[in-house]
């Protein structure tokens, strides 16, 4: 009997800078996740605290080029090498700045994974 084996997750680790009114920013490690076996259109940002935000992959792609918003998440380019992601919740707003390169690499990997045929066993 053959069955489909669920595709593995795509995980990219990136450093993000939390933007706030403090005189110095602090960097945090963020795991960018894509799980095609779940919602093939969603990406996730997972923070060390366990906080996780899921939003559309297309929103991240659009936000690399121009300001984009989808529900409680906004993404926009900041100069030529950074991207800002803004998360809105009932507790307030979190603004995170990423270098664009890890995000672009992550998106390329998600498209490769989505295009790969399911593995048959």
C-alpha atoms as a PDB file:
ATOM      1  CA  UNK A   1       0.000   0.000   0.000  1.00  0.00           C
ATOM      2  CA  UNK A   2       1.376   3.454  -0.802  1.00  0.00           C
ATOM      3  CA  UNK A   3       0.653   6.650   1.000  1.00  0.00           C
ATOM      4  CA  UNK A   4       1.827  10.222   0.859  1.00  0.00           C
ATOM      5  CA  UNK A   5       4.502  11.217   3.331  1.00  0.00           C
ATOM      6  CA  UNK A   6       3.993  14.734   4.611  1.00  0.00           C
ATOM      7  CA  UNK A   7       6.565  17.188   3.294  1.00  0.00           C
ATOM      8  CA  UNK A   8       9.073  18.430   5.819  1.00  0.00           C
ATOM      9  CA  UNK A   9       8.957  21.975   7.073  1.00  0.00           C
ATOM     10  CA  UNK A  10      11.157  24.666   5.634  1.00  0.00           C
ATOM     11  CA  UNK A  11      12.864  26.481   8.486  1.00  0.00           C
ATOM     12  CA  UNK A  12      15.102  29.513   8.135  1.00  0.00           C
ATOM     13  CA  UNK A  13      16.727  31.104  11.172  1.00  0.00           C
ATOM     14  CA  UNK A  14      17.136  34.863  11.105  1.00  0.00           C
ATOM     15  CA  UNK A  15      18.111  37.605  13.501  1.00  0.00           C
ATOM     16  CA  UNK A  16      15.497  40.298  13.929  1.00  0.00           C
ATOM     17  CA  UNK A  17      15.743  43.652  15.619  1.00  0.00           C
ATOM     18  CA  UNK A  18      12.912  44.671  17.906  1.00  0.00           C
ATOM     19  CA  UNK A  19      12.160  48.320  17.240  1.00  0.00           C
ATOM     20  CA  UNK A  20      10.933  50.348  20.204  1.00  0.00           C
ATOM     21  CA  UNK A  21      11.575  53.669  21.879  1.00  0.00           C
ATOM     22  CA  UNK A  22      14.650  52.418  23.757  1.00  0.00           C
ATOM     23  CA  UNK A  23      17.956  54.042  22.754  1.00  0.00           C
ATOM     24  CA  UNK A  24      19.380  50.681  21.609  1.00  0.00           C
ATOM     25  CA  UNK A  25      17.691  47.912  19.693  1.00  0.00           C
ATOM     26  CA  UNK A  26      17.983  44.305  20.714  1.00  0.00           C
ATOM     27  CA  UNK A  27      18.304  41.371  18.372  1.00  0.00           C
ATOM     28  CA  UNK A  28      16.347  38.176  18.790  1.00  0.00           C
ATOM     29  CA  UNK A  29      16.540  34.911  16.867  1.00  0.00           C
ATOM     30  CA  UNK A  30      13.411  34.206  14.843  1.00  0.00           C
ATOM     31  CA  UNK A  31      12.500  30.926  13.165  1.00  0.00           C
ATOM     32  CA  UNK A  32      10.700  31.379   9.861  1.00  0.00           C
ATOM     33  CA  UNK A  33       8.615  28.274   9.161  1.00  0.00           C
ATOM     34  CA  UNK A  34       6.698  26.941   6.206  1.00  0.00           C
ATOM     35  CA  UNK A  35       4.750  23.703   6.465  1.00  0.00           C
ATOM     36  CA  UNK A  36       3.266  22.727   3.097  1.00  0.00           C
ATOM     37  CA  UNK A  37       1.431  19.789   4.671  1.00  0.00           C
ATOM     38  CA  UNK A  38      -0.584  22.243   6.754  1.00  0.00           C
ATOM     39  CA  UNK A  39      -1.627  25.512   5.150  1.00  0.00           C
ATOM     40  CA  UNK A  40       0.455  25.755   1.950  1.00  0.00           C
ATOM     41  CA  UNK A  41      -0.174  29.517   1.721  1.00  0.00           C
ATOM     42  CA  UNK A  42       0.980  30.400   5.252  1.00  0.00           C
ATOM     43  CA  UNK A  43       4.364  31.237   6.738  1.00  0.00           C
ATOM     44  CA  UNK A  44       5.095  31.566  10.443  1.00  0.00           C
ATOM     45  CA  UNK A  45       7.432  33.733  12.501  1.00  0.00           C
ATOM     46  CA  UNK A  46       8.273  31.984  15.766  1.00  0.00           C
ATOM     47  CA  UNK A  47       9.936  34.037  18.503  1.00  0.00           C
ATOM     48  CA  UNK A  48      12.020  32.721  21.426  1.00  0.00           C
ATOM     49  CA  UNK A  49       9.171  33.515  23.836  1.00  0.00           C
ATOM     50  CA  UNK A  50       6.998  31.016  21.962  1.00  0.00           C
ATOM     51  CA  UNK A  51       4.924  33.761  20.351  1.00  0.00           C
ATOM     52  CA  UNK A  52       4.034  32.732  16.827  1.00  0.00           C
ATOM     53  CA  UNK A  53       2.495  34.757  14.034  1.00  0.00           C
ATOM     54  CA  UNK A  54       1.079  33.116  10.906  1.00  0.00           C
ATOM     55  CA  UNK A  55       0.308  35.085   7.780  1.00  0.00           C
ATOM     56  CA  UNK A  56       0.153  34.665   4.031  1.00  0.00           C
ATOM     57  CA  UNK A  57       3.364  33.958   2.156  1.00  0.00           C
ATOM     58  CA  UNK A  58       2.190  36.375  -0.558  1.00  0.00           C
ATOM     59  CA  UNK A  59       2.076  39.176   2.043  1.00  0.00           C
ATOM     60  CA  UNK A  60       5.744  38.641   2.881  1.00  0.00           C
ATOM     61  CA  UNK A  61       6.641  38.544  -0.823  1.00  0.00           C
ATOM     62  CA  UNK A  62       4.708  41.729  -1.606  1.00  0.00           C
ATOM     63  CA  UNK A  63       6.176  43.513   1.424  1.00  0.00           C
ATOM     64  CA  UNK A  64       9.712  42.998   0.135  1.00  0.00           C
ATOM     65  CA  UNK A  65       8.895  45.381  -2.736  1.00  0.00           C
ATOM     66  CA  UNK A  66       6.252  47.787  -1.405  1.00  0.00           C
ATOM     67  CA  UNK A  67       4.143  48.320   1.730  1.00  0.00           C
ATOM     68  CA  UNK A  68       1.608  45.520   2.144  1.00  0.00           C
ATOM     69  CA  UNK A  69      -0.930  44.672   4.821  1.00  0.00           C
ATOM     70  CA  UNK A  70      -3.010  41.598   5.573  1.00  0.00           C
ATOM     71  CA  UNK A  71      -5.152  41.693   8.692  1.00  0.00           C
ATOM     72  CA  UNK A  72      -3.004  42.319  11.772  1.00  0.00           C
ATOM     73  CA  UNK A  73       0.327  42.072   9.896  1.00  0.00           C
ATOM     74  CA  UNK A  74       2.010  44.754   7.790  1.00  0.00           C
ATOM     75  CA  UNK A  75       5.272  44.329   5.852  1.00  0.00           C
ATOM     76  CA  UNK A  76       7.311  46.951   4.027  1.00  0.00           C
ATOM     77  CA  UNK A  77      10.824  47.463   2.672  1.00  0.00           C
ATOM     78  CA  UNK A  78      13.141  49.691   4.694  1.00  0.00           C
ATOM     79  CA  UNK A  79      15.969  50.878   2.496  1.00  0.00           C
ATOM     80  CA  UNK A  80      17.569  48.398   0.126  1.00  0.00           C
ATOM     81  CA  UNK A  81      18.558  45.715   2.603  1.00  0.00           C
ATOM     82  CA  UNK A  82      15.957  45.601   5.381  1.00  0.00           C
ATOM     83  CA  UNK A  83      12.307  44.685   5.762  1.00  0.00           C
ATOM     84  CA  UNK A  84       9.995  45.739   8.579  1.00  0.00           C
ATOM     85  CA  UNK A  85       7.221  43.474   9.845  1.00  0.00           C
ATOM     86  CA  UNK A  86       4.593  44.975  12.127  1.00  0.00           C
ATOM     87  CA  UNK A  87       2.327  42.733  14.214  1.00  0.00           C
ATOM     88  CA  UNK A  88      -0.877  44.154  15.738  1.00  0.00           C
ATOM     89  CA  UNK A  89      -2.592  42.440  18.664  1.00  0.00           C
ATOM     90  CA  UNK A  90      -4.965  43.465  21.471  1.00  0.00           C
ATOM     91  CA  UNK A  91      -1.829  43.896  23.625  1.00  0.00           C
ATOM     92  CA  UNK A  92      -0.277  46.440  21.264  1.00  0.00           C
ATOM     93  CA  UNK A  93       2.023  46.612  18.273  1.00  0.00           C
ATOM     94  CA  UNK A  94       5.365  44.860  17.780  1.00  0.00           C
ATOM     95  CA  UNK A  95       7.707  46.167  15.106  1.00  0.00           C
ATOM     96  CA  UNK A  96      10.497  43.880  13.936  1.00  0.00           C
ATOM     97  CA  UNK A  97      13.222  44.650  11.384  1.00  0.00           C
ATOM     98  CA  UNK A  98      14.881  41.879   9.373  1.00  0.00           C
ATOM     99  CA  UNK A  99      17.707  41.841   6.906  1.00  0.00           C
ATOM    100  CA  UNK A 100      16.015  41.103   3.587  1.00  0.00           C
ATOM    101  CA  UNK A 101      18.428  38.352   2.494  1.00  0.00           C
ATOM    102  CA  UNK A 102      17.241  35.611   4.927  1.00  0.00           C
ATOM    103  CA  UNK A 103      13.617  36.391   4.040  1.00  0.00           C
ATOM    104  CA  UNK A 104      14.302  36.124   0.313  1.00  0.00           C
ATOM    105  CA  UNK A 105      16.224  32.861   0.840  1.00  0.00           C
ATOM    106  CA  UNK A 106      13.347  31.509   2.954  1.00  0.00           C
ATOM    107  CA  UNK A 107      10.759  32.413   0.307  1.00  0.00           C
ATOM    108  CA  UNK A 108      12.822  30.743  -2.439  1.00  0.00           C
ATOM    109  CA  UNK A 109      13.016  27.579  -0.330  1.00  0.00           C
ATOM    110  CA  UNK A 110       9.242  27.620   0.295  1.00  0.00           C
ATOM    111  CA  UNK A 111       8.573  27.829  -3.439  1.00  0.00           C
ATOM    112  CA  UNK A 112      10.978  24.960  -4.114  1.00  0.00           C
ATOM    113  CA  UNK A 113       9.248  22.871  -1.440  1.00  0.00           C
ATOM    114  CA  UNK A 114       5.777  23.717  -2.747  1.00  0.00           C
ATOM    115  CA  UNK A 115       6.829  22.754  -6.294  1.00  0.00           C
ATOM    116  CA  UNK A 116       8.359  19.421  -5.223  1.00  0.00           C
ATOM    117  CA  UNK A 117       6.061  16.444  -5.776  1.00  0.00           C
ATOM    118  CA  UNK A 118       4.869  14.633  -2.657  1.00  0.00           C
ATOM    119  CA  UNK A 119       7.092  11.693  -1.772  1.00  0.00           C
ATOM    120  CA  UNK A 120       5.429   8.339  -2.271  1.00  0.00           C
ATOM    121  CA  UNK A 121       6.308   5.360  -0.086  1.00  0.00           C
END
